[in-house]
C-alpha cells in the first residue's frame, strides 16, 4: 500500500510534522466512499510527479481525539498538512478537487509546474469551447443532467432544435475551475456560441422570453 495507515496518535504527530506536504484521509472501514478515495490516493501516489507528498490514512473513529481536534464530523475528509499545520481541506467525495490539490501541492516545491499548467489549461479551454458551434458546459450531460439548472437549460435548448455538444464539468476539476476564470463567469451551466460566452440559464431564459434565443444560437 502506498497510502500509510496511521495506528497511533504519536505516529500521526510525527508523520504530519514532516517538511513534505501530507495528504491525510480521515476514514472509516464501513464507509465505501473512503475506499474509493483511498484507491485514488494510491494511484496518485504512484505517479512520479506526486511522489514528493506523503499519503496517510487515519481511522477517524479509532483515533477520535485527533478527529475531534480537526473537527472531522463525517468521512471521508481529507486534510493537507505542511510541517504540522493544516493548510487545506476537502469534505466528502470529490476526486476532481483531490487531484487538483495534489497537483497544486506537488508543484509547490518548484516553479516548473504552475506556468505550464496555466498555459495548458487555457489552450485546452479554447479547444473545448470550439468543439461545437453551440457548446454547453454543465453538470452531467445532455442525456443525464445532474443538477436542476442544467436540466432546465437542456430542455430549453432541445426545444429550439439547434445542434449542440455538452461537457460534464464534474469529470474534470481543472476545466470546472479554469473556465470560471477564463470566462469571468462563476456559475454553471455555461453556453458558448462560436467560441463566445452567451451566459447561463438566466440569460438563456431572457433570450427565450424575448424571442431572441434561436437567433442567438444560430447567428
Protein backbone atom coordinates (compact mmCIF):
# COMPACT_ATOMS: atom_id res chain seq x y z
CA UNK A 1 0.00 0.00 0.00
CA UNK A 2 1.26 3.43 -0.92
CA UNK A 3 -1.13 5.12 1.50
CA UNK A 4 0.24 4.57 5.01
CA UNK A 5 -2.26 3.52 7.69
CA UNK A 6 -1.78 5.54 10.88
CA UNK A 7 -2.21 3.48 14.04
CA UNK A 8 -1.45 5.83 16.92
CA UNK A 9 -1.54 9.47 17.98
CA UNK A 10 2.26 9.60 18.33
CA UNK A 11 2.80 8.18 14.85
CA UNK A 12 0.34 10.69 13.43
CA UNK A 13 2.07 13.66 15.05
CA UNK A 14 5.47 12.50 13.84
CA UNK A 15 4.30 11.97 10.25
CA UNK A 16 2.43 15.22 9.73
CA UNK A 17 5.35 17.14 11.22
CA UNK A 18 7.44 16.30 8.17
CA UNK A 19 8.54 19.08 5.84
CA UNK A 20 6.81 17.35 2.92
CA UNK A 21 3.13 18.09 2.42
CA UNK A 22 0.96 15.31 3.87
CA UNK A 23 -2.34 14.26 2.31
CA UNK A 24 -4.34 12.82 5.21
CA UNK A 25 -7.53 10.85 4.68
CA UNK A 26 -9.81 10.52 7.71
CA UNK A 27 -11.75 7.33 7.04
CA UNK A 28 -13.91 4.53 8.43
CA UNK A 29 -13.90 0.93 7.28
CA UNK A 30 -17.70 0.84 7.00
CA UNK A 31 -17.81 3.76 4.56
CA UNK A 32 -17.45 2.57 0.96
CA UNK A 33 -16.67 6.12 -0.19
CA UNK A 34 -13.49 6.04 1.90
CA UNK A 35 -12.20 3.05 -0.05
CA UNK A 36 -12.87 4.95 -3.28
CA UNK A 37 -10.82 7.92 -2.09
CA UNK A 38 -8.07 5.65 -0.74
CA UNK A 39 -7.79 3.93 -4.12
CA UNK A 40 -7.49 7.31 -5.86
CA UNK A 41 -4.80 8.40 -3.39
CA UNK A 42 -2.87 5.20 -4.06
CA UNK A 43 -2.95 5.86 -7.79
CA UNK A 44 -1.84 9.47 -7.35
CA UNK A 45 0.98 8.39 -5.04
CA UNK A 46 2.33 6.05 -7.71
CA UNK A 47 2.78 8.90 -10.19
CA UNK A 48 6.27 10.28 -10.25
CA UNK A 49 5.05 13.91 -10.30
CA UNK A 50 3.29 13.43 -6.96
CA UNK A 51 5.78 11.31 -5.02
CA UNK A 52 7.07 14.36 -3.15
CA UNK A 53 3.92 14.18 -0.99
CA UNK A 54 3.18 11.62 1.70
CA UNK A 55 -0.23 9.97 1.88
CA UNK A 56 -1.78 8.90 5.19
CA UNK A 57 -4.99 7.15 6.21
CA UNK A 58 -6.27 7.95 9.71
CA UNK A 59 -9.10 5.78 11.14
CA UNK A 60 -11.34 8.61 12.34
CA UNK A 61 -13.19 6.62 14.99
CA UNK A 62 -10.16 4.79 16.40
CA UNK A 63 -8.15 8.00 16.74
CA UNK A 64 -11.10 10.05 17.92
CA UNK A 65 -9.09 12.73 19.74
CA UNK A 66 -7.30 13.66 16.52
CA UNK A 67 -10.60 13.70 14.64
CA UNK A 68 -12.19 15.92 17.28
CA UNK A 69 -9.22 18.29 17.22
CA UNK A 70 -9.61 18.78 13.46
CA UNK A 71 -13.43 18.92 13.59
CA UNK A 72 -13.87 15.79 11.49
CA UNK A 73 -17.63 15.20 11.64
CA UNK A 74 -18.01 12.99 8.55
CA UNK A 75 -15.93 10.63 6.43
CA UNK A 76 -14.21 10.79 4.09
CA UNK A 77 -12.49 14.06 4.94
CA UNK A 78 -9.04 14.97 3.62
CA UNK A 79 -6.67 17.44 5.25
CA UNK A 80 -3.41 18.72 3.78
CA UNK A 81 -0.60 19.44 6.22
CA UNK A 82 2.70 21.22 5.82
CA UNK A 83 5.15 20.93 8.74
CA UNK A 84 2.35 20.04 11.14
CA UNK A 85 -0.04 22.81 10.10
CA UNK A 86 -3.29 22.14 8.24
CA UNK A 87 -3.26 24.19 5.01
CA UNK A 88 -6.23 22.80 3.06
CA UNK A 89 -9.29 20.58 3.38
CA UNK A 90 -11.75 18.55 1.31
CA UNK A 91 -15.01 17.34 2.86
CA UNK A 92 -16.70 14.37 1.20
CA UNK A 93 -16.01 12.54 -2.04
CA UNK A 94 -14.55 14.93 -4.61
CA UNK A 95 -11.99 13.14 -6.75
CA UNK A 96 -11.52 16.09 -9.08
CA UNK A 97 -10.67 18.50 -6.28
CA UNK A 98 -8.37 15.93 -4.65
CA UNK A 99 -6.43 15.53 -7.88
CA UNK A 100 -6.24 19.27 -8.41
CA UNK A 101 -4.94 19.93 -4.90
CA UNK A 102 -2.39 17.11 -5.09
CA UNK A 103 -1.09 18.68 -8.31
CA UNK A 104 -1.00 22.07 -6.60
CA UNK A 105 0.98 20.94 -3.56
CA UNK A 106 3.28 18.64 -5.51
CA UNK A 107 4.21 21.63 -7.65
CA UNK A 108 4.66 23.97 -4.70
CA UNK A 109 8.27 22.89 -4.24
CA UNK A 110 9.28 24.05 -7.68
CA UNK A 111 8.39 26.72 -10.22
CA UNK A 112 8.24 24.49 -13.28
CA UNK A 113 4.65 23.30 -12.90
CA UNK A 114 2.50 26.37 -12.36
CA UNK A 115 3.12 28.35 -15.55
CA UNK A 116 2.92 25.27 -17.73
CA UNK A 117 -0.35 24.11 -16.20
CA UNK A 118 -1.93 27.57 -16.56
CA UNK A 119 -0.87 27.77 -20.20
CA UNK A 120 -2.02 24.24 -21.00
CA UNK A 121 -5.45 24.66 -19.43
CA UNK A 122 -6.08 27.87 -21.37
CA UNK A 123 -5.25 26.13 -24.63
CA UNK A 124 -7.49 23.22 -23.68
CA UNK A 125 -10.39 25.50 -22.73
CA UNK A 126 -10.20 27.30 -26.07
CA UNK A 127 -10.30 23.94 -27.83
CA UNK A 128 -13.25 22.73 -25.78
CA UNK A 129 -15.45 25.78 -26.27
CA UNK A 130 -14.94 25.40 -30.02
CA UNK A 131 -15.77 21.69 -30.21
CA UNK A 132 -19.22 22.63 -31.50
CA UNK A 133 -20.87 25.79 -32.77
CA UNK A 134 -23.05 25.62 -29.65
CA UNK A 135 -21.17 24.24 -26.65
CA UNK A 136 -22.68 23.76 -23.19
CA UNK A 137 -20.63 23.21 -20.03
CA UNK A 138 -22.83 21.66 -17.37
CA UNK A 139 -23.15 19.19 -14.53
CA UNK A 140 -23.82 15.89 -16.26
CA UNK A 141 -24.52 15.62 -19.97
CA UNK A 142 -27.40 16.17 -22.38
CA UNK A 143 -28.90 12.76 -21.56
CA UNK A 144 -28.31 12.85 -17.80
CA UNK A 145 -28.23 16.39 -16.35
CA UNK A 146 -27.01 16.28 -12.76
CA UNK A 147 -28.49 19.50 -11.39
CA UNK A 148 -31.77 21.34 -11.77
CA UNK A 149 -30.28 24.30 -13.62
CA UNK A 150 -28.59 22.07 -16.18
CA UNK A 151 -31.80 20.08 -16.65
CA UNK A 152 -33.82 23.25 -17.30
CA UNK A 153 -31.24 24.56 -19.75
CA UNK A 154 -31.08 21.35 -21.77
CA UNK A 155 -34.90 21.26 -22.00
CA UNK A 156 -34.92 24.81 -23.39
CA UNK A 157 -32.12 24.18 -25.89
CA UNK A 158 -33.69 20.90 -27.05
CA UNK A 159 -36.91 22.75 -27.88
CA UNK A 160 -35.00 25.01 -30.30
CA UNK A 161 -33.83 22.05 -32.38
CA UNK A 162 -30.33 23.52 -32.52
CA UNK A 163 -27.39 21.09 -32.68
CA UNK A 164 -25.06 21.30 -29.72
CA UNK A 165 -22.49 19.41 -27.65
CA UNK A 166 -22.03 19.21 -23.89
CA UNK A 167 -19.12 18.83 -21.49
CA UNK A 168 -19.58 17.41 -18.00
CA UNK A 169 -17.62 19.69 -15.65
CA UNK A 170 -17.94 17.12 -12.86
CA UNK A 171 -15.49 14.90 -14.71
CA UNK A 172 -12.67 17.46 -14.83
CA UNK A 173 -11.98 19.82 -11.95
CA UNK A 174 -9.32 21.72 -13.92
CA UNK A 175 -11.89 22.63 -16.57
CA UNK A 176 -14.55 23.34 -13.96
CA UNK A 177 -12.37 25.86 -12.11
CA UNK A 178 -10.42 27.12 -15.11
CA UNK A 179 -13.46 28.08 -17.14
CA UNK A 180 -14.77 30.28 -14.33
CA UNK A 181 -11.63 32.39 -14.55
CA UNK A 182 -11.24 32.13 -18.31
CA UNK A 183 -14.74 33.49 -18.97
CA UNK A 184 -15.17 35.51 -15.78
CA UNK A 185 -18.45 33.67 -15.17
CA UNK A 186 -18.61 31.91 -11.78
CA UNK A 187 -21.56 29.54 -12.21
CA UNK A 188 -22.76 26.64 -14.37
CA UNK A 189 -24.22 25.80 -16.80
CA UNK A 190 -22.46 27.99 -19.38
CA UNK A 191 -23.45 28.28 -23.05
CA UNK A 192 -20.98 29.22 -25.79
CA UNK A 193 -21.74 30.07 -29.42
CA UNK A 194 -18.89 30.17 -31.91
CA UNK A 195 -16.42 30.18 -29.03
CA UNK A 196 -18.02 33.15 -27.26
CA UNK A 197 -19.83 33.00 -23.92
CA UNK A 198 -23.55 33.72 -24.15
CA UNK A 199 -24.28 33.13 -20.47
CA UNK A 200 -26.03 30.79 -18.08
CA UNK A 201 -29.61 29.67 -17.50
CA UNK A 202 -30.93 33.13 -16.60
CA UNK A 203 -29.57 34.66 -19.81
CA UNK A 204 -30.96 31.80 -21.90
CA UNK A 205 -34.39 32.30 -20.29
CA UNK A 206 -34.25 36.03 -21.03
CA UNK A 207 -33.37 35.35 -24.67
CA UNK A 208 -36.21 32.82 -24.91
CA UNK A 209 -38.75 35.23 -23.44
CA UNK A 210 -37.55 37.97 -25.76
CA UNK A 211 -37.82 35.74 -28.82
CA UNK A 212 -34.08 36.05 -29.49
CA UNK A 213 -32.84 32.61 -28.49
CA UNK A 214 -32.85 30.85 -31.87
CA UNK A 215 -31.21 33.84 -33.50
CA UNK A 216 -28.53 33.90 -30.79
CA UNK A 217 -27.81 30.18 -31.16
CA UNK A 218 -27.84 30.44 -34.96
CA UNK A 219 -26.15 33.78 -35.72
